[in-house]
Amino acid sequence: MIDFNQLNYEIGQQLGLTLFDPQQFTSLCIRFIVNLIVVTIISRCFYFPRSHRRDYAFIFILMAMSIFLLVSLMEGEGMNIGAAMGLFAIFGIMRFRTEAVPIREMTYLFMLIALSVVNAVAHGDYHPKADYWDGVGIVTILFVNIAFVCMAWIFESSKVMNQEASKIIRYDNVELIKPEKRAELKADLEKRTGLKITRIEVGMIDYLKDSPLIRIFYDDPSDVGNSIARFGRMPKEM
């Protein structure tokens, strides 16, 4: 049987690196698999069915797993510095991004990053002098991950949250945006869109072109999370 302690000691003396720590490696693999499964479930089963944005789903998974590995491998004395550098990098990416990330996607990103950090720092420590273990156990890790999945499921469920969808429309009849003609405006929009509109918001008005921006709200759970409905003009990527 290989004596890893002796082998690690000899290699550490020569290279400054150890070869293999079975306990640490097993713990990392278990937490990595749990994190990957949960992150994939949240991204693929809850986020993607409504948004159909493969690019964001791909980013969520890679970002979450990158944060997990970053925090996992920077535990100990370098943890404070590593956490500060990681947060700086995250906020730097969000601050200097070229595309405005919608609030729903931003919320999922923060949630998955938080989940990955929890899984990365969750481990037990053995105290040989007192002969006991403390820290986070497997049951606690599983409970936290299941809690994240349940939160995503609950708040994506149409039975719990109001699934009111909306669209922004550039309208061509400025005369109907007057408050006293709101019923006529609603009827005209329902006729054109074929949607059962619940309420209307009138935004910016361009009197030079007689073209106001109108946001309509309607009940359609299948259309909630529509990634293109938020645009008031043709996006660059289209």
Protein backbone atom coordinates (compact mmCIF):
# COMPACT_ATOMS: atom_id res chain seq x y z
CA MET A 1 0.00 0.00 0.00
CA ILE A 2 1.32 3.43 -0.95
CA ASP A 3 2.31 5.67 1.95
CA PHE A 4 1.01 9.00 0.65
CA ASN A 5 2.29 10.91 3.65
CA GLN A 6 5.88 9.85 3.01
CA LEU A 7 5.51 10.28 -0.75
CA ASN A 8 4.00 13.75 -0.34
CA TYR A 9 6.78 14.70 2.06
CA GLU A 10 9.57 13.63 -0.30
CA ILE A 11 8.01 15.33 -3.35
CA GLY A 12 7.22 18.41 -1.30
CA GLN A 13 10.84 18.68 -0.26
CA GLN A 14 11.94 18.64 -3.89
CA LEU A 15 9.18 20.50 -5.74
CA GLY A 16 7.29 22.44 -3.08
CA LEU A 17 4.12 20.59 -4.12
CA THR A 18 2.48 17.47 -2.77
CA LEU A 19 1.44 14.66 -5.08
CA PHE A 20 -1.92 13.52 -3.78
CA ASP A 21 -4.14 13.91 -0.72
CA PRO A 22 -6.85 11.20 -0.90
CA GLN A 23 -9.10 12.85 1.69
CA GLN A 24 -8.95 16.29 0.13
CA PHE A 25 -9.36 14.94 -3.40
CA THR A 26 -12.38 12.80 -2.49
CA SER A 27 -14.04 15.73 -0.72
CA LEU A 28 -13.41 18.00 -3.69
CA CYS A 29 -14.80 15.47 -6.18
CA ILE A 30 -17.99 14.89 -4.19
CA ARG A 31 -18.65 18.62 -3.79
CA PHE A 32 -17.75 19.25 -7.45
CA ILE A 33 -20.24 16.62 -8.67
CA VAL A 34 -23.00 17.88 -6.35
CA ASN A 35 -22.40 21.48 -7.44
CA LEU A 36 -22.33 20.58 -11.14
CA ILE A 37 -25.56 18.58 -10.91
CA VAL A 38 -27.45 21.29 -9.01
CA VAL A 39 -26.15 24.15 -11.17
CA THR A 40 -27.08 22.23 -14.32
CA ILE A 41 -30.57 21.45 -12.98
CA ILE A 42 -31.24 25.10 -12.13
CA SER A 43 -29.86 26.41 -15.43
CA ARG A 44 -31.34 23.74 -17.70
CA CYS A 45 -34.63 22.86 -15.99
CA PHE A 46 -35.75 26.21 -14.54
CA TYR A 47 -34.03 29.03 -16.44
CA PHE A 48 -33.75 27.68 -19.99
CA PRO A 49 -37.35 26.47 -20.60
CA ARG A 50 -38.68 30.05 -20.28
CA SER A 51 -35.82 32.05 -21.79
CA HIS A 52 -34.41 29.64 -24.38
CA ARG A 53 -31.07 31.42 -24.13
CA ARG A 54 -28.35 28.83 -24.56
CA ASP A 55 -25.67 31.50 -24.25
CA TYR A 56 -26.76 32.53 -20.77
CA ALA A 57 -27.33 28.93 -19.63
CA PHE A 58 -23.81 28.09 -20.82
CA ILE A 59 -22.37 31.13 -19.01
CA PHE A 60 -24.21 30.28 -15.78
CA ILE A 61 -22.75 26.78 -15.64
CA LEU A 62 -19.20 27.77 -16.54
CA MET A 63 -19.20 30.81 -14.24
CA ALA A 64 -20.58 28.82 -11.31
CA MET A 65 -18.11 25.97 -11.71
CA SER A 66 -15.22 28.40 -12.18
CA ILE A 67 -16.10 30.18 -8.95
CA PHE A 68 -16.42 26.81 -7.20
CA LEU A 69 -12.93 25.70 -8.23
CA LEU A 70 -11.44 29.13 -7.54
CA VAL A 71 -12.73 29.23 -3.96
CA SER A 72 -12.05 25.52 -3.33
CA LEU A 73 -8.38 25.80 -4.30
CA MET A 74 -7.80 29.07 -2.42
CA GLU A 75 -8.87 27.92 1.04
CA GLY A 76 -6.75 28.56 4.08
CA GLU A 77 -4.41 31.52 4.44
CA GLY A 78 -5.03 32.81 0.94
CA MET A 79 -8.79 32.63 1.25
CA ASN A 80 -9.34 36.29 2.13
CA ILE A 81 -7.16 37.50 -0.72
CA GLY A 82 -8.68 34.97 -3.11
CA ALA A 83 -12.25 35.92 -2.17
CA ALA A 84 -11.50 39.61 -2.62
CA MET A 85 -9.88 39.02 -6.01
CA GLY A 86 -12.77 36.80 -7.09
CA LEU A 87 -15.42 39.33 -6.12
CA PHE A 88 -13.45 42.09 -7.82
CA ALA A 89 -13.29 40.05 -11.02
CA ILE A 90 -17.01 39.23 -10.88
CA PHE A 91 -18.12 42.82 -10.38
CA GLY A 92 -15.56 43.98 -12.93
CA ILE A 93 -17.07 41.69 -15.56
CA MET A 94 -20.56 42.95 -14.75
CA ARG A 95 -19.47 46.59 -14.72
CA PHE A 96 -17.54 46.57 -17.98
CA ARG A 97 -19.80 44.23 -19.93
CA THR A 98 -20.74 45.21 -23.47
CA GLU A 99 -24.31 43.89 -23.21
CA ALA A 100 -26.79 44.92 -20.52
CA VAL A 101 -27.68 41.74 -18.63
CA PRO A 102 -31.41 41.56 -17.79
CA ILE A 103 -32.37 41.44 -14.12
CA ARG A 104 -33.67 37.86 -14.35
CA GLU A 105 -30.39 36.59 -15.79
CA MET A 106 -28.41 38.64 -13.26
CA THR A 107 -30.43 37.10 -10.41
CA TYR A 108 -29.75 33.57 -11.65
CA LEU A 109 -26.05 34.39 -11.99
CA PHE A 110 -25.81 35.69 -8.41
CA MET A 111 -27.73 32.68 -7.10
CA LEU A 112 -25.49 30.17 -8.86
CA ILE A 113 -22.35 31.99 -7.74
CA ALA A 114 -23.61 31.95 -4.14
CA LEU A 115 -24.40 28.24 -4.43
CA SER A 116 -20.93 27.50 -5.79
CA VAL A 117 -19.21 29.46 -3.02
CA VAL A 118 -21.24 27.58 -0.38
CA ASN A 119 -20.29 24.22 -1.91
CA ALA A 120 -16.65 25.27 -2.20
CA VAL A 121 -16.15 26.28 1.44
CA ALA A 122 -18.36 23.53 2.92
CA HIS A 123 -16.10 20.87 4.40
CA GLY A 124 -15.23 19.26 7.71
CA ASP A 125 -12.02 19.69 9.77
CA TYR A 126 -10.47 17.12 12.07
CA HIS A 127 -8.88 18.18 15.35
CA PRO A 128 -6.44 15.40 16.32
CA LYS A 129 -5.74 16.65 19.85
CA ALA A 130 -9.41 16.68 20.83
CA ASP A 131 -10.21 13.80 18.45
CA TYR A 132 -13.36 15.24 16.89
CA TRP A 133 -14.66 16.63 13.59
CA ASP A 134 -16.36 19.95 13.02
CA GLY A 135 -17.54 21.87 9.99
CA VAL A 136 -20.17 21.05 7.41
CA GLY A 137 -21.39 17.53 6.79
CA ILE A 138 -22.70 15.84 3.65
CA VAL A 139 -26.30 16.08 4.88
CA THR A 140 -25.97 19.84 5.33
CA ILE A 141 -24.44 20.26 1.87
CA LEU A 142 -27.25 18.27 0.28
CA PHE A 143 -29.86 20.23 2.24
CA VAL A 144 -28.45 23.58 1.06
CA ASN A 145 -28.34 22.43 -2.57
CA ILE A 146 -31.88 21.07 -2.42
CA ALA A 147 -32.99 24.37 -0.87
CA PHE A 148 -31.55 26.29 -3.84
CA VAL A 149 -33.33 23.99 -6.28
CA CYS A 150 -36.61 24.34 -4.38
CA MET A 151 -36.34 28.15 -4.37
CA ALA A 152 -35.82 28.20 -8.13
CA TRP A 153 -38.75 25.81 -8.64
CA ILE A 154 -41.11 27.71 -6.32
CA PHE A 155 -40.50 31.14 -7.81
CA GLU A 156 -40.64 29.85 -11.38
CA SER A 157 -43.93 28.10 -10.68
CA SER A 158 -47.04 29.79 -12.07
CA LYS A 159 -48.99 28.54 -9.04
CA VAL A 160 -46.91 30.63 -6.65
CA MET A 161 -45.83 33.71 -8.58
CA ASN A 162 -47.85 35.94 -10.87
CA GLN A 163 -46.94 34.87 -14.41
CA GLU A 164 -47.90 38.13 -16.09
CA ALA A 165 -45.96 38.59 -19.31
CA SER A 166 -45.29 41.89 -21.05
CA LYS A 167 -44.22 43.32 -24.38
CA ILE A 168 -42.96 46.74 -25.45
CA ILE A 169 -44.69 48.06 -28.56
CA ARG A 170 -43.88 51.10 -30.68
CA TYR A 171 -47.38 52.37 -31.36
CA ASP A 172 -48.46 54.41 -34.39
CA ASN A 173 -51.56 56.23 -33.13
CA VAL A 174 -50.63 58.94 -30.64
CA GLU A 175 -54.25 60.10 -30.33
CA LEU A 176 -55.31 56.93 -28.48
CA ILE A 177 -52.77 57.30 -25.66
CA LYS A 178 -54.92 59.94 -23.93
CA PRO A 179 -56.31 58.75 -20.56
CA GLU A 180 -59.92 59.15 -21.66
CA LYS A 181 -59.29 56.89 -24.68
CA ARG A 182 -57.59 54.07 -22.76
CA ALA A 183 -60.44 51.63 -23.50
CA GLU A 184 -60.11 52.31 -27.24
CA LEU A 185 -56.34 51.87 -27.01
CA LYS A 186 -56.73 48.53 -25.24
CA ALA A 187 -59.28 47.30 -27.80
CA ASP A 188 -57.04 48.30 -30.71
CA LEU A 189 -54.00 46.60 -29.20
CA GLU A 190 -55.92 43.42 -28.44
CA LYS A 191 -57.20 43.33 -32.02
CA ARG A 192 -53.71 43.75 -33.46
CA THR A 193 -51.82 41.43 -31.10
CA GLY A 194 -54.50 38.84 -30.42
CA LEU A 195 -53.66 38.96 -26.71
CA LYS A 196 -55.94 39.44 -23.73
CA ILE A 197 -54.37 42.57 -22.23
CA THR A 198 -54.71 43.17 -18.49
CA ARG A 199 -53.09 46.60 -18.25
CA ILE A 200 -51.18 49.15 -20.29
CA GLU A 201 -48.29 51.52 -19.54
CA VAL A 202 -47.50 54.48 -21.82
CA GLY A 203 -43.83 55.41 -21.96
CA MET A 204 -41.77 57.79 -24.05
CA ILE A 205 -43.69 59.79 -26.70
CA ASP A 206 -42.08 60.98 -29.92
CA TYR A 207 -44.41 63.67 -31.27
CA LEU A 208 -42.19 64.24 -34.30
CA LYS A 209 -42.95 60.73 -35.52
CA ASP A 210 -46.26 60.30 -33.65
CA SER A 211 -44.78 57.14 -32.16
CA PRO A 212 -45.15 56.42 -28.43
CA LEU A 213 -43.67 53.41 -26.65
CA ILE A 214 -46.32 51.29 -24.94
CA ARG A 215 -45.86 48.34 -22.63
CA ILE A 216 -48.71 45.85 -22.55
CA PHE A 217 -49.24 43.21 -19.84
CA TYR A 218 -51.09 39.94 -20.41
CA ASP A 219 -51.49 36.56 -18.71
CA ASP A 220 -49.43 33.94 -20.50
CA PRO A 221 -47.10 31.82 -18.29
CA SER A 222 -45.43 30.29 -21.34
CA ASP A 223 -44.25 33.72 -22.51
CA VAL A 224 -42.71 34.84 -19.20
CA GLY A 225 -38.96 35.23 -19.50
CA ASN A 226 -39.09 36.05 -23.20
CA SER A 227 -35.58 37.30 -23.87
CA ILE A 228 -36.52 39.64 -26.74
CA ALA A 229 -39.74 41.14 -25.36
CA ARG A 230 -37.82 43.75 -23.36
CA PHE A 231 -36.37 45.49 -26.43
CA GLY A 232 -37.96 48.74 -27.59
CA ARG A 233 -35.87 48.73 -30.74
CA MET A 234 -34.11 46.18 -32.90
CA PRO A 235 -31.18 44.77 -30.83
CA LYS A 236 -27.69 44.73 -32.32
CA GLU A 237 -27.34 40.95 -32.13
CA MET A 238 -30.43 40.54 -34.32
